Amino acid sequence: MICLYSSFLIDFLKNNAAAADKARILEEKSFSISSIGVFEAALDLRAYILSSKISAFLTKEGKAINQSDCLISGTMISNGVNRILTKDKNHFGRIKGIKVISY
């Protein structure tokens, strides 16, 4: 079994010729993809940059949250999503531009 790393997935999704050729060569093999690889391949550069800015700002303010919540927030905002349904009002409530809908 071959694990497909996120850089390969991103290149393949962008129709990179070398990645497509390698996929054809390995077509009969079994593959796996790590959950981190799926996550990385699904994000765009804009979301990563925004996520790092959110993390830096919250850290500077002494209100740091975990990195996965920063990545979720950056992805949301970069895609025009401004509300989140969660019980975790404490973390997401710290992020400017996100409204928390709690249950």
PDB file of N, CA and C in Angstrom:
ATOM      1  N   MET A   1       0.850  -1.184   0.000  1.00  0.00           N
ATOM      2  CA  MET A   1       0.000   0.000   0.000  1.00  0.00           C
ATOM      3  C   MET A   1       0.893   1.244   0.000  1.00  0.00           C
ATOM      4  N   ILE A   2       0.469   2.257  -0.735  1.00  0.00           N
ATOM      5  CA  ILE A   2       1.215   3.510  -0.866  1.00  0.00           C
ATOM      6  C   ILE A   2       0.383   4.638  -0.270  1.00  0.00           C
ATOM      7  N   CYS A   3       1.004   5.401   0.642  1.00  0.00           N
ATOM      8  CA  CYS A   3       0.338   6.575   1.210  1.00  0.00           C
ATOM      9  C   CYS A   3       0.578   7.761   0.275  1.00  0.00           C
ATOM     10  N   LEU A   4      -0.473   8.411  -0.125  1.00  0.00           N
ATOM     11  CA  LEU A   4      -0.377   9.585  -0.996  1.00  0.00           C
ATOM     12  C   LEU A   4      -0.212  10.830  -0.132  1.00  0.00           C
ATOM     13  N   TYR A   5       0.935  11.470  -0.260  1.00  0.00           N
ATOM     14  CA  TYR A   5       1.224  12.664   0.525  1.00  0.00           C
ATOM     15  C   TYR A   5       0.469  13.860  -0.063  1.00  0.00           C
ATOM     16  N   SER A   6       0.210  14.849   0.781  1.00  0.00           N
ATOM     17  CA  SER A   6      -0.623  15.980   0.375  1.00  0.00           C
ATOM     18  C   SER A   6      -0.072  16.730  -0.842  1.00  0.00           C
ATOM     19  N   SER A   7       1.248  16.843  -0.968  1.00  0.00           N
ATOM     20  CA  SER A   7       1.784  17.561  -2.135  1.00  0.00           C
ATOM     21  C   SER A   7       1.423  16.838  -3.430  1.00  0.00           C
ATOM     22  N   PHE A   8       1.444  15.496  -3.400  1.00  0.00           N
ATOM     23  CA  PHE A   8       1.032  14.740  -4.580  1.00  0.00           C
ATOM     24  C   PHE A   8      -0.449  14.984  -4.870  1.00  0.00           C
ATOM     25  N   LEU A   9      -1.283  14.917  -3.820  1.00  0.00           N
ATOM     26  CA  LEU A   9      -2.726  15.118  -4.001  1.00  0.00           C
ATOM     27  C   LEU A   9      -3.022  16.490  -4.589  1.00  0.00           C
ATOM     28  N   ILE A  10      -2.351  17.492  -4.070  1.00  0.00           N
ATOM     29  CA  ILE A  10      -2.559  18.854  -4.569  1.00  0.00           C
ATOM     30  C   ILE A  10      -2.128  18.961  -6.027  1.00  0.00           C
ATOM     31  N   ASP A  11      -0.954  18.405  -6.345  1.00  0.00           N
ATOM     32  CA  ASP A  11      -0.488  18.432  -7.738  1.00  0.00           C
ATOM     33  C   ASP A  11      -1.452  17.684  -8.656  1.00  0.00           C
ATOM     34  N   PHE A  12      -1.924  16.533  -8.207  1.00  0.00           N
ATOM     35  CA  PHE A  12      -2.852  15.735  -9.007  1.00  0.00           C
ATOM     36  C   PHE A  12      -4.152  16.507  -9.242  1.00  0.00           C
ATOM     37  N   LEU A  13      -4.681  17.130  -8.193  1.00  0.00           N
ATOM     38  CA  LEU A  13      -5.921  17.894  -8.318  1.00  0.00           C
ATOM     39  C   LEU A  13      -5.762  19.118  -9.211  1.00  0.00           C
ATOM     40  N   LYS A  14      -4.534  19.615  -9.329  1.00  0.00           N
ATOM     41  CA  LYS A  14      -4.253  20.758 -10.204  1.00  0.00           C
ATOM     42  C   LYS A  14      -3.872  20.310 -11.610  1.00  0.00           C
ATOM     43  N   ASN A  15      -4.051  19.029 -11.900  1.00  0.00           N
ATOM     44  CA  ASN A  15      -3.731  18.449 -13.211  1.00  0.00           C
ATOM     45  C   ASN A  15      -2.261  18.581 -13.585  1.00  0.00           C
ATOM     46  N   ASN A  16      -1.387  18.489 -12.599  1.00  0.00           N
ATOM     47  CA  ASN A  16       0.048  18.494 -12.848  1.00  0.00           C
ATOM     48  C   ASN A  16       0.396  17.254 -13.666  1.00  0.00           C
ATOM     49  N   ALA A  17       1.105  17.436 -14.765  1.00  0.00           N
ATOM     50  CA  ALA A  17       1.405  16.331 -15.687  1.00  0.00           C
ATOM     51  C   ALA A  17       2.202  15.217 -15.019  1.00  0.00           C
ATOM     52  N   ALA A  18       3.217  15.562 -14.241  1.00  0.00           N
ATOM     53  CA  ALA A  18       4.041  14.537 -13.584  1.00  0.00           C
ATOM     54  C   ALA A  18       3.222  13.724 -12.593  1.00  0.00           C
ATOM     55  N   ALA A  19       2.339  14.385 -11.854  1.00  0.00           N
ATOM     56  CA  ALA A  19       1.489  13.671 -10.896  1.00  0.00           C
ATOM     57  C   ALA A  19       0.500  12.765 -11.619  1.00  0.00           C
ATOM     58  N   ALA A  20      -0.074  13.259 -12.697  1.00  0.00           N
ATOM     59  CA  ALA A  20      -1.016  12.447 -13.473  1.00  0.00           C
ATOM     60  C   ALA A  20      -0.322  11.232 -14.080  1.00  0.00           C
ATOM     61  N   ASP A  21       0.896  11.422 -14.598  1.00  0.00           N
ATOM     62  CA  ASP A  21       1.657  10.300 -15.159  1.00  0.00           C
ATOM     63  C   ASP A  21       1.948   9.255 -14.090  1.00  0.00           C
ATOM     64  N   LYS A  22       2.355   9.701 -12.902  1.00  0.00           N
ATOM     65  CA  LYS A  22       2.658   8.762 -11.810  1.00  0.00           C
ATOM     66  C   LYS A  22       1.399   8.018 -11.382  1.00  0.00           C
ATOM     67  N   ALA A  23       0.270   8.689 -11.369  1.00  0.00           N
ATOM     68  CA  ALA A  23      -0.991   8.045 -11.002  1.00  0.00           C
ATOM     69  C   ALA A  23      -1.350   6.946 -11.996  1.00  0.00           C
ATOM     70  N   ARG A  24      -1.117   7.207 -13.277  1.00  0.00           N
ATOM     71  CA  ARG A  24      -1.394   6.191 -14.294  1.00  0.00           C
ATOM     72  C   ARG A  24      -0.472   4.981 -14.134  1.00  0.00           C
ATOM     73  N   ILE A  25       0.796   5.237 -13.825  1.00  0.00           N
ATOM     74  CA  ILE A  25       1.767   4.151 -13.653  1.00  0.00           C
ATOM     75  C   ILE A  25       1.394   3.275 -12.457  1.00  0.00           C
ATOM     76  N   LEU A  26       0.913   3.905 -11.395  1.00  0.00           N
ATOM     77  CA  LEU A  26       0.594   3.182 -10.158  1.00  0.00           C
ATOM     78  C   LEU A  26      -0.889   2.818 -10.035  1.00  0.00           C
ATOM     79  N   GLU A  27      -1.598   2.897 -11.129  1.00  0.00           N
ATOM     80  CA  GLU A  27      -3.046   2.730 -11.145  1.00  0.00           C
ATOM     81  C   GLU A  27      -3.539   1.442 -10.471  1.00  0.00           C
ATOM     82  N   GLU A  28      -2.803   0.372 -10.573  1.00  0.00           N
ATOM     83  CA  GLU A  28      -3.234  -0.923 -10.042  1.00  0.00           C
ATOM     84  C   GLU A  28      -2.885  -1.126  -8.570  1.00  0.00           C
ATOM     85  N   LYS A  29      -2.191  -0.184  -7.956  1.00  0.00           N
ATOM     86  CA  LYS A  29      -1.747  -0.318  -6.565  1.00  0.00           C
ATOM     87  C   LYS A  29      -2.849   0.103  -5.592  1.00  0.00           C
ATOM     88  N   SER A  30      -2.674  -0.282  -4.328  1.00  0.00           N
ATOM     89  CA  SER A  30      -3.569   0.168  -3.261  1.00  0.00           C
ATOM     90  C   SER A  30      -3.001   1.437  -2.650  1.00  0.00           C
ATOM     91  N   PHE A  31      -3.880   2.370  -2.332  1.00  0.00           N
ATOM     92  CA  PHE A  31      -3.461   3.652  -1.793  1.00  0.00           C
ATOM     93  C   PHE A  31      -4.144   3.947  -0.471  1.00  0.00           C
ATOM     94  N   SER A  32      -3.530   4.810   0.294  1.00  0.00           N
ATOM     95  CA  SER A  32      -4.150   5.377   1.484  1.00  0.00           C
ATOM     96  C   SER A  32      -3.838   6.863   1.494  1.00  0.00           C
ATOM     97  N   ILE A  33      -4.641   7.604   2.219  1.00  0.00           N
ATOM     98  CA  ILE A  33      -4.434   9.037   2.386  1.00  0.00           C
ATOM     99  C   ILE A  33      -4.644   9.334   3.858  1.00  0.00           C
ATOM    100  N   SER A  34      -3.675  10.008   4.470  1.00  0.00           N
ATOM    101  CA  SER A  34      -3.840  10.362   5.879  1.00  0.00           C
ATOM    102  C   SER A  34      -4.899  11.446   6.012  1.00  0.00           C
ATOM    103  N   SER A  35      -5.532  11.513   7.167  1.00  0.00           N
ATOM    104  CA  SER A  35      -6.532  12.562   7.384  1.00  0.00           C
ATOM    105  C   SER A  35      -5.894  13.942   7.278  1.00  0.00           C
ATOM    106  N   ILE A  36      -4.646  14.074   7.699  1.00  0.00           N
ATOM    107  CA  ILE A  36      -3.941  15.349   7.560  1.00  0.00           C
ATOM    108  C   ILE A  36      -3.742  15.675   6.084  1.00  0.00           C
ATOM    109  N   GLY A  37      -3.416  14.678   5.276  1.00  0.00           N
ATOM    110  CA  GLY A  37      -3.243  14.885   3.843  1.00  0.00           C
ATOM    111  C   GLY A  37      -4.521  15.360   3.180  1.00  0.00           C
ATOM    112  N   VAL A  38      -5.644  14.776   3.568  1.00  0.00           N
ATOM    113  CA  VAL A  38      -6.936  15.208   3.017  1.00  0.00           C
ATOM    114  C   VAL A  38      -7.193  16.651   3.416  1.00  0.00           C
ATOM    115  N   PHE A  39      -6.929  16.966   4.672  1.00  0.00           N
ATOM    116  CA  PHE A  39      -7.128  18.317   5.180  1.00  0.00           C
ATOM    117  C   PHE A  39      -6.254  19.316   4.425  1.00  0.00           C
ATOM    118  N   GLU A  40      -4.973  18.999   4.263  1.00  0.00           N
ATOM    119  CA  GLU A  40      -4.063  19.905   3.572  1.00  0.00           C
ATOM    120  C   GLU A  40      -4.435  20.088   2.110  1.00  0.00           C
ATOM    121  N   ALA A  41      -4.860  19.035   1.473  1.00  0.00           N
ATOM    122  CA  ALA A  41      -5.212  19.120   0.058  1.00  0.00           C
ATOM    123  C   ALA A  41      -6.490  19.915  -0.160  1.00  0.00           C
ATOM    124  N   ALA A  42      -7.343  19.958   0.839  1.00  0.00           N
ATOM    125  CA  ALA A  42      -8.618  20.652   0.693  1.00  0.00           C
ATOM    126  C   ALA A  42      -8.482  22.157   0.892  1.00  0.00           C
ATOM    127  N   LEU A  43      -7.443  22.601   1.580  1.00  0.00           N
ATOM    128  CA  LEU A  43      -7.275  24.037   1.842  1.00  0.00           C
ATOM    129  C   LEU A  43      -6.543  24.720   0.711  1.00  0.00           C
ATOM    130  N   ASP A  44      -6.774  26.004   0.613  1.00  0.00           N
ATOM    131  CA  ASP A  44      -6.007  26.790  -0.343  1.00  0.00           C
ATOM    132  C   ASP A  44      -5.040  27.700   0.408  1.00  0.00           C
ATOM    133  N   LEU A  45      -4.131  28.302  -0.309  1.00  0.00           N
ATOM    134  CA  LEU A  45      -3.110  29.141   0.297  1.00  0.00           C
ATOM    135  C   LEU A  45      -3.724  30.309   1.060  1.00  0.00           C
ATOM    136  N   ARG A  46      -4.767  30.887   0.525  1.00  0.00           N
ATOM    137  CA  ARG A  46      -5.431  32.012   1.182  1.00  0.00           C
ATOM    138  C   ARG A  46      -5.931  31.624   2.572  1.00  0.00           C
ATOM    139  N   ALA A  47      -6.497  30.420   2.696  1.00  0.00           N
ATOM    140  CA  ALA A  47      -6.983  29.954   3.988  1.00  0.00           C
ATOM    141  C   ALA A  47      -5.836  29.734   4.958  1.00  0.00           C
ATOM    142  N   TYR A  48      -4.706  29.187   4.480  1.00  0.00           N
ATOM    143  CA  TYR A  48      -3.544  28.994   5.344  1.00  0.00           C
ATOM    144  C   TYR A  48      -3.018  30.326   5.861  1.00  0.00           C
ATOM    145  N   ILE A  49      -2.903  31.306   4.992  1.00  0.00           N
ATOM    146  CA  ILE A  49      -2.382  32.613   5.399  1.00  0.00           C
ATOM    147  C   ILE A  49      -3.303  33.255   6.427  1.00  0.00           C
ATOM    148  N   LEU A  50      -4.587  33.222   6.174  1.00  0.00           N
ATOM    149  CA  LEU A  50      -5.546  33.797   7.116  1.00  0.00           C
ATOM    150  C   LEU A  50      -5.513  33.051   8.445  1.00  0.00           C
ATOM    151  N   SER A  51      -5.400  31.736   8.403  1.00  0.00           N
ATOM    152  CA  SER A  51      -5.328  30.939   9.622  1.00  0.00           C
ATOM    153  C   SER A  51      -4.120  31.318  10.462  1.00  0.00           C
ATOM    154  N   SER A  52      -2.984  31.524   9.813  1.00  0.00           N
ATOM    155  CA  SER A  52      -1.776  31.898  10.554  1.00  0.00           C
ATOM    156  C   SER A  52      -1.914  33.304  11.144  1.00  0.00           C
ATOM    157  N   LYS A  53      -2.591  34.200  10.452  1.00  0.00           N
ATOM    158  CA  LYS A  53      -2.820  35.542  10.989  1.00  0.00           C
ATOM    159  C   LYS A  53      -3.736  35.493  12.201  1.00  0.00           C
ATOM    160  N   ILE A  54      -4.774  34.661  12.135  1.00  0.00           N
ATOM    161  CA  ILE A  54      -5.678  34.494  13.280  1.00  0.00           C
ATOM    162  C   ILE A  54      -4.899  33.959  14.474  1.00  0.00           C
ATOM    163  N   SER A  55      -4.086  32.938  14.247  1.00  0.00           N
ATOM    164  CA  SER A  55      -3.291  32.340  15.314  1.00  0.00           C
ATOM    165  C   SER A  55      -2.331  33.360  15.930  1.00  0.00           C
ATOM    166  N   ALA A  56      -1.629  34.114  15.084  1.00  0.00           N
ATOM    167  CA  ALA A  56      -0.669  35.104  15.572  1.00  0.00           C
ATOM    168  C   ALA A  56      -1.365  36.199  16.378  1.00  0.00           C
ATOM    169  N   PHE A  57      -2.492  36.675  15.892  1.00  0.00           N
ATOM    170  CA  PHE A  57      -3.219  37.727  16.590  1.00  0.00           C
ATOM    171  C   PHE A  57      -3.694  37.244  17.955  1.00  0.00           C
ATOM    172  N   LEU A  58      -4.310  36.065  18.000  1.00  0.00           N
ATOM    173  CA  LEU A  58      -4.813  35.548  19.267  1.00  0.00           C
ATOM    174  C   LEU A  58      -3.682  35.264  20.254  1.00  0.00           C
ATOM    175  N   THR A  59      -2.563  34.763  19.756  1.00  0.00           N
ATOM    176  CA  THR A  59      -1.408  34.511  20.619  1.00  0.00           C
ATOM    177  C   THR A  59      -0.886  35.822  21.193  1.00  0.00           C
ATOM    178  N   LYS A  60      -0.770  36.839  20.352  1.00  0.00           N
ATOM    179  CA  LYS A  60      -0.292  38.157  20.786  1.00  0.00           C
ATOM    180  C   LYS A  60      -1.211  38.747  21.854  1.00  0.00           C
ATOM    181  N   GLU A  61      -2.502  38.509  21.718  1.00  0.00           N
ATOM    182  CA  GLU A  61      -3.485  39.029  22.669  1.00  0.00           C
ATOM    183  C   GLU A  61      -3.594  38.171  23.932  1.00  0.00           C
ATOM    184  N   GLY A  62      -2.843  37.057  23.971  1.00  0.00           N
ATOM    185  CA  GLY A  62      -2.921  36.146  25.118  1.00  0.00           C
ATOM    186  C   GLY A  62      -4.189  35.322  25.128  1.00  0.00           C
ATOM    187  N   LYS A  63      -4.778  35.113  23.951  1.00  0.00           N
ATOM    188  CA  LYS A  63      -6.050  34.390  23.824  1.00  0.00           C
ATOM    189  C   LYS A  63      -5.929  33.227  22.844  1.00  0.00           C
ATOM    190  N   ALA A  64      -4.759  32.608  22.805  1.00  0.00           N
ATOM    191  CA  ALA A  64      -4.493  31.543  21.824  1.00  0.00           C
ATOM    192  C   ALA A  64      -5.502  30.407  21.936  1.00  0.00           C
ATOM    193  N   ILE A  65      -5.818  29.839  20.786  1.00  0.00           N
ATOM    194  CA  ILE A  65      -6.648  28.635  20.712  1.00  0.00           C
ATOM    195  C   ILE A  65      -5.860  27.581  19.943  1.00  0.00           C
ATOM    196  N   ASN A  66      -6.369  26.338  19.916  1.00  0.00           N
ATOM    197  CA  ASN A  66      -5.609  25.285  19.237  1.00  0.00           C
ATOM    198  C   ASN A  66      -5.561  25.529  17.723  1.00  0.00           C
ATOM    199  N   GLN A  67      -4.528  24.979  17.110  1.00  0.00           N
ATOM    200  CA  GLN A  67      -4.264  25.218  15.691  1.00  0.00           C
ATOM    201  C   GLN A  67      -5.391  24.732  14.790  1.00  0.00           C
ATOM    202  N   SER A  68      -6.019  23.619  15.146  1.00  0.00           N
ATOM    203  CA  SER A  68      -7.095  23.118  14.278  1.00  0.00           C
ATOM    204  C   SER A  68      -8.259  24.100  14.241  1.00  0.00           C
ATOM    205  N   ASP A  69      -8.566  24.751  15.378  1.00  0.00           N
ATOM    206  CA  ASP A  69      -9.635  25.751  15.374  1.00  0.00           C
ATOM    207  C   ASP A  69      -9.227  26.990  14.572  1.00  0.00           C
ATOM    208  N   CYS A  70      -7.935  27.343  14.600  1.00  0.00           N
ATOM    209  CA  CYS A  70      -7.455  28.449  13.754  1.00  0.00           C
ATOM    210  C   CYS A  70      -7.607  28.087  12.281  1.00  0.00           C
ATOM    211  N   LEU A  71      -7.267  26.851  11.923  1.00  0.00           N
ATOM    212  CA  LEU A  71      -7.399  26.420  10.530  1.00  0.00           C
ATOM    213  C   LEU A  71      -8.859  26.379  10.092  1.00  0.00           C
ATOM    214  N   ILE A  72      -9.723  25.911  10.968  1.00  0.00           N
ATOM    215  CA  ILE A  72     -11.160  25.893  10.645  1.00  0.00           C
ATOM    216  C   ILE A  72     -11.640  27.328  10.427  1.00  0.00           C
ATOM    217  N   SER A  73     -11.258  28.230  11.324  1.00  0.00           N
ATOM    218  CA  SER A  73     -11.680  29.632  11.225  1.00  0.00           C
ATOM    219  C   SER A  73     -11.160  30.291   9.956  1.00  0.00           C
ATOM    220  N   GLY A  74      -9.881  30.079   9.659  1.00  0.00           N
ATOM    221  CA  GLY A  74      -9.302  30.653   8.445  1.00  0.00           C
ATOM    222  C   GLY A  74      -9.969  30.146   7.191  1.00  0.00           C
ATOM    223  N   THR A  75     -10.289  28.870   7.180  1.00  0.00           N
ATOM    224  CA  THR A  75     -10.973  28.270   6.032  1.00  0.00           C
ATOM    225  C   THR A  75     -12.369  28.848   5.885  1.00  0.00           C
ATOM    226  N   MET A  76     -13.071  28.976   7.014  1.00  0.00           N
ATOM    227  CA  MET A  76     -14.417  29.548   6.972  1.00  0.00           C
ATOM    228  C   MET A  76     -14.398  30.961   6.395  1.00  0.00           C
ATOM    229  N   ILE A  77     -13.591  31.813   7.008  1.00  0.00           N
ATOM    230  CA  ILE A  77     -13.575  33.228   6.620  1.00  0.00           C
ATOM    231  C   ILE A  77     -13.120  33.402   5.177  1.00  0.00           C
ATOM    232  N   SER A  78     -12.115  32.651   4.758  1.00  0.00           N
ATOM    233  CA  SER A  78     -11.622  32.799   3.381  1.00  0.00           C
ATOM    234  C   SER A  78     -12.641  32.326   2.351  1.00  0.00           C
ATOM    235  N   ASN A  79     -13.615  31.550   2.795  1.00  0.00           N
ATOM    236  CA  ASN A  79     -14.662  31.071   1.887  1.00  0.00           C
ATOM    237  C   ASN A  79     -16.001  31.771   2.121  1.00  0.00           C
ATOM    238  N   GLY A  80     -15.964  32.880   2.863  1.00  0.00           N
ATOM    239  CA  GLY A  80     -17.175  33.680   3.056  1.00  0.00           C
ATOM    240  C   GLY A  80     -18.168  33.118   4.055  1.00  0.00           C
ATOM    241  N   VAL A  81     -17.725  32.221   4.916  1.00  0.00           N
ATOM    242  CA  VAL A  81     -18.604  31.641   5.936  1.00  0.00           C
ATOM    243  C   VAL A  81     -18.333  32.378   7.242  1.00  0.00           C
ATOM    244  N   ASN A  82     -19.392  32.907   7.864  1.00  0.00           N
ATOM    245  CA  ASN A  82     -19.171  33.715   9.056  1.00  0.00           C
ATOM    246  C   ASN A  82     -19.902  33.222  10.303  1.00  0.00           C
ATOM    247  N   ARG A  83     -20.552  32.066  10.229  1.00  0.00           N
ATOM    248  CA  ARG A  83     -21.237  31.514  11.393  1.00  0.00           C
ATOM    249  C   ARG A  83     -20.844  30.053  11.566  1.00  0.00           C
ATOM    250  N   ILE A  84     -20.737  29.635  12.843  1.00  0.00           N
ATOM    251  CA  ILE A  84     -20.392  28.251  13.127  1.00  0.00           C
ATOM    252  C   ILE A  84     -21.316  27.733  14.229  1.00  0.00           C
ATOM    253  N   LEU A  85     -21.793  26.526  14.049  1.00  0.00           N
ATOM    254  CA  LEU A  85     -22.643  25.861  15.028  1.00  0.00           C
ATOM    255  C   LEU A  85     -21.754  24.952  15.862  1.00  0.00           C
ATOM    256  N   THR A  86     -21.580  25.298  17.128  1.00  0.00           N
ATOM    257  CA  THR A  86     -20.682  24.548  17.997  1.00  0.00           C
ATOM    258  C   THR A  86     -21.005  24.814  19.461  1.00  0.00           C
ATOM    259  N   LYS A  87     -20.598  23.895  20.315  1.00  0.00           N
ATOM    260  CA  LYS A  87     -20.676  24.126  21.755  1.00  0.00           C
ATOM    261  C   LYS A  87     -19.453  24.909  22.235  1.00  0.00           C
ATOM    262  N   ASP A  88     -18.431  25.006  21.391  1.00  0.00           N
ATOM    263  CA  ASP A  88     -17.158  25.613  21.766  1.00  0.00           C
ATOM    264  C   ASP A  88     -17.163  27.124  21.539  1.00  0.00           C
ATOM    265  N   LYS A  89     -18.057  27.806  22.242  1.00  0.00           N
ATOM    266  CA  LYS A  89     -18.154  29.261  22.107  1.00  0.00           C
ATOM    267  C   LYS A  89     -16.884  29.941  22.614  1.00  0.00           C
ATOM    268  N   ASN A  90     -16.217  29.332  23.569  1.00  0.00           N
ATOM    269  CA  ASN A  90     -15.017  29.908  24.153  1.00  0.00           C
ATOM    270  C   ASN A  90     -13.937  30.158  23.107  1.00  0.00           C
ATOM    271  N   HIS A  91     -13.678  29.199  22.233  1.00  0.00           N
ATOM    272  CA  HIS A  91     -12.623  29.364  21.229  1.00  0.00           C
ATOM    273  C   HIS A  91     -13.078  30.233  20.063  1.00  0.00           C
ATOM    274  N   PHE A  92     -14.148  29.832  19.427  1.00  0.00           N
ATOM    275  CA  PHE A  92     -14.567  30.532  18.211  1.00  0.00           C
ATOM    276  C   PHE A  92     -15.100  31.930  18.493  1.00  0.00           C
ATOM    277  N   GLY A  93     -15.560  32.176  19.715  1.00  0.00           N
ATOM    278  CA  GLY A  93     -16.030  33.498  20.097  1.00  0.00           C
ATOM    279  C   GLY A  93     -14.916  34.532  20.148  1.00  0.00           C
ATOM    280  N   ARG A  94     -13.663  34.098  20.156  1.00  0.00           N
ATOM    281  CA  ARG A  94     -12.510  35.001  20.186  1.00  0.00           C
ATOM    282  C   ARG A  94     -12.132  35.528  18.806  1.00  0.00           C
ATOM    283  N   ILE A  95     -12.731  34.976  17.780  1.00  0.00           N
ATOM    284  CA  ILE A  95     -12.290  35.280  16.417  1.00  0.00           C
ATOM    285  C   ILE A  95     -13.218  36.302  15.774  1.00  0.00           C
ATOM    286  N   LYS A  96     -12.620  37.442  15.444  1.00  0.00           N
ATOM    287  CA  LYS A  96     -13.371  38.524  14.798  1.00  0.00           C
ATOM    288  C   LYS A  96     -13.898  38.033  13.451  1.00  0.00           C
ATOM    289  N   GLY A  97     -15.173  38.277  13.220  1.00  0.00           N
ATOM    290  CA  GLY A  97     -15.772  37.902  11.944  1.00  0.00           C
ATOM    291  C   GLY A  97     -16.514  36.580  11.984  1.00  0.00           C
ATOM    292  N   ILE A  98     -16.476  35.892  13.124  1.00  0.00           N
ATOM    293  CA  ILE A  98     -17.209  34.621  13.246  1.00  0.00           C
ATOM    294  C   ILE A  98     -18.247  34.747  14.347  1.00  0.00           C
ATOM    295  N   LYS A  99     -19.469  34.421  14.007  1.00  0.00           N
ATOM    296  CA  LYS A  99     -20.557  34.396  14.987  1.00  0.00           C
ATOM    297  C   LYS A  99     -20.782  32.943  15.389  1.00  0.00           C
ATOM    298  N   VAL A 100     -20.824  32.712  16.693  1.00  0.00           N
ATOM    299  CA  VAL A 100     -21.020  31.358  17.214  1.00  0.00           C
ATOM    300  C   VAL A 100     -22.502  31.139  17.461  1.00  0.00           C
ATOM    301  N   ILE A 101     -23.009  30.066  16.911  1.00  0.00           N
ATOM    302  CA  ILE A 101     -24.365  29.622  17.191  1.00  0.00           C
ATOM    303  C   ILE A 101     -24.212  28.397  18.084  1.00  0.00           C
ATOM    304  N   SER A 102     -24.678  28.512  19.319  1.00  0.00           N
ATOM    305  CA  SER A 102     -24.490  27.435  20.290  1.00  0.00           C
ATOM    306  C   SER A 102     -25.764  26.614  20.423  1.00  0.00           C
ATOM    307  N   TYR A 103     -25.612  25.425  20.969  1.00  0.00           N
ATOM    308  CA  TYR A 103     -26.774  24.582  21.254  1.00  0.00           C
ATOM    309  C   TYR A 103     -26.621  23.946  22.603  1.00  0.00           C
TER     310      TYR A 103
END
